[in-house]
Amino acid sequence: MDKHQNELTRGVKDGRNKIFTMKPNLSVLRQNIQSIGNKQTEIDLVLKSSLKNIDVLCFTEHWLKDDYLKLLQIDQYKLVSYFSRKNHNHGGSHIYSYVWKKTSVLKI
């Protein structure tokens, strides 16, 4: 992490999870999930116990197609952005935001 990034974020590593708290008071969880389809219960339990108050969830390697990904729900979070590979079974990323946080998607 370079000096500029260090001023903006404080990274905490919790096992395989990486949690970043950004100023002012935005916490982000980034996780390589490797097939989210069979881990939804585990995610819900972790978010309700040891990782409370996470504002943004970023998952990579979800392995789902767009149609299935849009149906996936995580309690208290809304899907704000996603990418799925069209020609491969693996890969993909998606981002959830806490439902009470005001968010907007920037088109770049």
C-alpha atoms as a PDB file:
ATOM      1  CA  MET A   1       0.000   0.000   0.000  1.00  0.00           C
ATOM      2  CA  ASP A   2       1.550   3.322  -1.006  1.00  0.00           C
ATOM      3  CA  LYS A   3       1.629   6.445   1.185  1.00  0.00           C
ATOM      4  CA  HIS A   4      -1.467   8.003  -0.459  1.00  0.00           C
ATOM      5  CA  GLN A   5      -3.550   4.844  -0.032  1.00  0.00           C
ATOM      6  CA  ASN A   6      -2.370   4.516   3.563  1.00  0.00           C
ATOM      7  CA  GLU A   7      -3.727   7.986   4.339  1.00  0.00           C
ATOM      8  CA  LEU A   8      -7.143   7.085   2.909  1.00  0.00           C
ATOM      9  CA  THR A   9      -7.618   3.561   4.203  1.00  0.00           C
ATOM     10  CA  ARG A  10      -6.841   1.351   7.128  1.00  0.00           C
ATOM     11  CA  GLY A  11      -6.711  -2.294   6.112  1.00  0.00           C
ATOM     12  CA  VAL A  12      -7.476  -5.050   8.583  1.00  0.00           C
ATOM     13  CA  LYS A  13      -7.005  -8.667   7.583  1.00  0.00           C
ATOM     14  CA  ASP A  14      -9.415 -11.090   9.255  1.00  0.00           C
ATOM     15  CA  GLY A  15      -8.461 -14.563   8.030  1.00  0.00           C
ATOM     16  CA  ARG A  16      -9.149 -14.547   4.297  1.00  0.00           C
ATOM     17  CA  ASN A  17     -11.323 -11.418   4.455  1.00  0.00           C
ATOM     18  CA  LYS A  18      -9.934  -7.960   3.852  1.00  0.00           C
ATOM     19  CA  ILE A  19     -11.771  -5.105   5.504  1.00  0.00           C
ATOM     20  CA  PHE A  20     -10.937  -1.520   4.647  1.00  0.00           C
ATOM     21  CA  THR A  21     -12.264   1.440   6.593  1.00  0.00           C
ATOM     22  CA  MET A  22     -12.128   4.597   4.512  1.00  0.00           C
ATOM     23  CA  LYS A  23     -12.454   8.137   5.739  1.00  0.00           C
ATOM     24  CA  PRO A  24     -15.059   9.285   6.589  1.00  0.00           C
ATOM     25  CA  ASN A  25     -16.440   6.089   8.098  1.00  0.00           C
ATOM     26  CA  LEU A  26     -16.944   3.768   5.151  1.00  0.00           C
ATOM     27  CA  SER A  27     -16.113   0.106   5.703  1.00  0.00           C
ATOM     28  CA  VAL A  28     -15.552  -2.222   2.750  1.00  0.00           C
ATOM     29  CA  LEU A  29     -15.255  -6.013   2.793  1.00  0.00           C
ATOM     30  CA  ARG A  30     -13.479  -7.579  -0.201  1.00  0.00           C
ATOM     31  CA  GLN A  31     -13.584 -11.352  -0.570  1.00  0.00           C
ATOM     32  CA  ASN A  32     -12.662 -13.861  -3.271  1.00  0.00           C
ATOM     33  CA  ILE A  33     -15.752 -16.014  -2.714  1.00  0.00           C
ATOM     34  CA  GLN A  34     -15.138 -18.842  -5.242  1.00  0.00           C
ATOM     35  CA  SER A  35     -18.754 -19.770  -5.942  1.00  0.00           C
ATOM     36  CA  ILE A  36     -21.170 -17.771  -3.826  1.00  0.00           C
ATOM     37  CA  GLY A  37     -24.094 -20.095  -4.614  1.00  0.00           C
ATOM     38  CA  ASN A  38     -23.338 -22.470  -1.758  1.00  0.00           C
ATOM     39  CA  LYS A  39     -22.113 -19.862   0.751  1.00  0.00           C
ATOM     40  CA  GLN A  40     -25.071 -17.551   1.264  1.00  0.00           C
ATOM     41  CA  THR A  41     -25.942 -18.901   4.734  1.00  0.00           C
ATOM     42  CA  GLU A  42     -22.323 -18.585   5.838  1.00  0.00           C
ATOM     43  CA  ILE A  43     -22.160 -14.981   4.568  1.00  0.00           C
ATOM     44  CA  ASP A  44     -25.357 -14.056   6.423  1.00  0.00           C
ATOM     45  CA  LEU A  45     -24.046 -15.570   9.673  1.00  0.00           C
ATOM     46  CA  VAL A  46     -20.690 -13.809   9.439  1.00  0.00           C
ATOM     47  CA  LEU A  47     -22.309 -10.436   8.672  1.00  0.00           C
ATOM     48  CA  LYS A  48     -24.626 -10.772  11.662  1.00  0.00           C
ATOM     49  CA  SER A  49     -21.922 -11.829  14.105  1.00  0.00           C
ATOM     50  CA  SER A  50     -18.241 -11.032  13.662  1.00  0.00           C
ATOM     51  CA  LEU A  51     -18.379  -8.522  10.793  1.00  0.00           C
ATOM     52  CA  LYS A  52     -21.167  -6.157  11.768  1.00  0.00           C
ATOM     53  CA  ASN A  53     -21.435  -2.656  10.304  1.00  0.00           C
ATOM     54  CA  ILE A  54     -19.842  -3.336   6.909  1.00  0.00           C
ATOM     55  CA  ASP A  55     -21.079  -0.704   4.436  1.00  0.00           C
ATOM     56  CA  VAL A  56     -19.932  -2.235   1.152  1.00  0.00           C
ATOM     57  CA  LEU A  57     -19.407  -5.885   0.173  1.00  0.00           C
ATOM     58  CA  CYS A  58     -17.195  -6.663  -2.826  1.00  0.00           C
ATOM     59  CA  PHE A  59     -17.104 -10.273  -3.955  1.00  0.00           C
ATOM     60  CA  THR A  60     -14.979 -11.709  -6.752  1.00  0.00           C
ATOM     61  CA  GLU A  61     -15.141 -15.129  -8.402  1.00  0.00           C
ATOM     62  CA  HIS A  62     -18.880 -15.550  -7.739  1.00  0.00           C
ATOM     63  CA  TRP A  63     -19.188 -18.040 -10.664  1.00  0.00           C
ATOM     64  CA  LEU A  64     -22.803 -17.086 -11.464  1.00  0.00           C
ATOM     65  CA  LYS A  65     -24.517 -15.881 -14.627  1.00  0.00           C
ATOM     66  CA  ASP A  66     -26.325 -12.511 -14.569  1.00  0.00           C
ATOM     67  CA  ASP A  67     -29.808 -14.004 -14.167  1.00  0.00           C
ATOM     68  CA  TYR A  68     -28.868 -15.983 -11.051  1.00  0.00           C
ATOM     69  CA  LEU A  69     -26.794 -13.172  -9.590  1.00  0.00           C
ATOM     70  CA  LYS A  70     -29.726 -10.751  -9.734  1.00  0.00           C
ATOM     71  CA  LEU A  71     -31.819 -13.235  -7.708  1.00  0.00           C
ATOM     72  CA  LEU A  72     -29.216 -13.613  -4.951  1.00  0.00           C
ATOM     73  CA  GLN A  73     -30.128 -11.606  -1.847  1.00  0.00           C
ATOM     74  CA  ILE A  74     -28.057 -10.752   1.185  1.00  0.00           C
ATOM     75  CA  ASP A  75     -30.070  -9.499   4.167  1.00  0.00           C
ATOM     76  CA  GLN A  76     -29.741  -5.713   4.659  1.00  0.00           C
ATOM     77  CA  TYR A  77     -27.739  -5.242   1.406  1.00  0.00           C
ATOM     78  CA  LYS A  78     -28.655  -4.257  -2.141  1.00  0.00           C
ATOM     79  CA  LEU A  79     -26.839  -5.226  -5.323  1.00  0.00           C
ATOM     80  CA  VAL A  80     -25.397  -2.054  -6.863  1.00  0.00           C
ATOM     81  CA  SER A  81     -22.991  -3.378  -9.499  1.00  0.00           C
ATOM     82  CA  TYR A  82     -21.937  -6.690 -11.037  1.00  0.00           C
ATOM     83  CA  PHE A  83     -20.025  -8.375 -13.828  1.00  0.00           C
ATOM     84  CA  SER A  84     -20.387 -11.948 -15.055  1.00  0.00           C
ATOM     85  CA  ARG A  85     -18.367 -13.707 -17.718  1.00  0.00           C
ATOM     86  CA  LYS A  86     -20.436 -14.717 -20.723  1.00  0.00           C
ATOM     87  CA  ASN A  87     -18.238 -17.534 -22.070  1.00  0.00           C
ATOM     88  CA  HIS A  88     -16.712 -19.030 -18.922  1.00  0.00           C
ATOM     89  CA  ASN A  89     -18.070 -20.804 -15.850  1.00  0.00           C
ATOM     90  CA  HIS A  90     -15.814 -19.013 -13.359  1.00  0.00           C
ATOM     91  CA  GLY A  91     -14.986 -15.402 -12.590  1.00  0.00           C
ATOM     92  CA  GLY A  92     -17.222 -12.417 -12.061  1.00  0.00           C
ATOM     93  CA  SER A  93     -17.533  -9.723  -9.432  1.00  0.00           C
ATOM     94  CA  HIS A  94     -20.361  -7.975  -7.664  1.00  0.00           C
ATOM     95  CA  ILE A  95     -20.804  -5.178  -5.154  1.00  0.00           C
ATOM     96  CA  TYR A  96     -23.466  -4.799  -2.490  1.00  0.00           C
ATOM     97  CA  SER A  97     -24.213  -1.694  -0.450  1.00  0.00           C
ATOM     98  CA  TYR A  98     -25.858  -1.536   2.965  1.00  0.00           C
ATOM     99  CA  VAL A  99     -29.512  -0.655   2.326  1.00  0.00           C
ATOM    100  CA  TRP A 100     -29.475   2.438   4.542  1.00  0.00           C
ATOM    101  CA  LYS A 101     -26.411   3.962   2.863  1.00  0.00           C
ATOM    102  CA  LYS A 102     -27.135   6.388   0.067  1.00  0.00           C
ATOM    103  CA  THR A 103     -25.305   5.146  -3.020  1.00  0.00           C
ATOM    104  CA  SER A 104     -25.004   6.014  -6.666  1.00  0.00           C
ATOM    105  CA  VAL A 105     -23.293   4.183  -9.495  1.00  0.00           C
ATOM    106  CA  LEU A 106     -20.838   6.158 -11.591  1.00  0.00           C
ATOM    107  CA  LYS A 107     -20.720   5.205 -15.266  1.00  0.00           C
ATOM    108  CA  ILE A 108     -17.110   5.459 -16.394  1.00  0.00           C
END
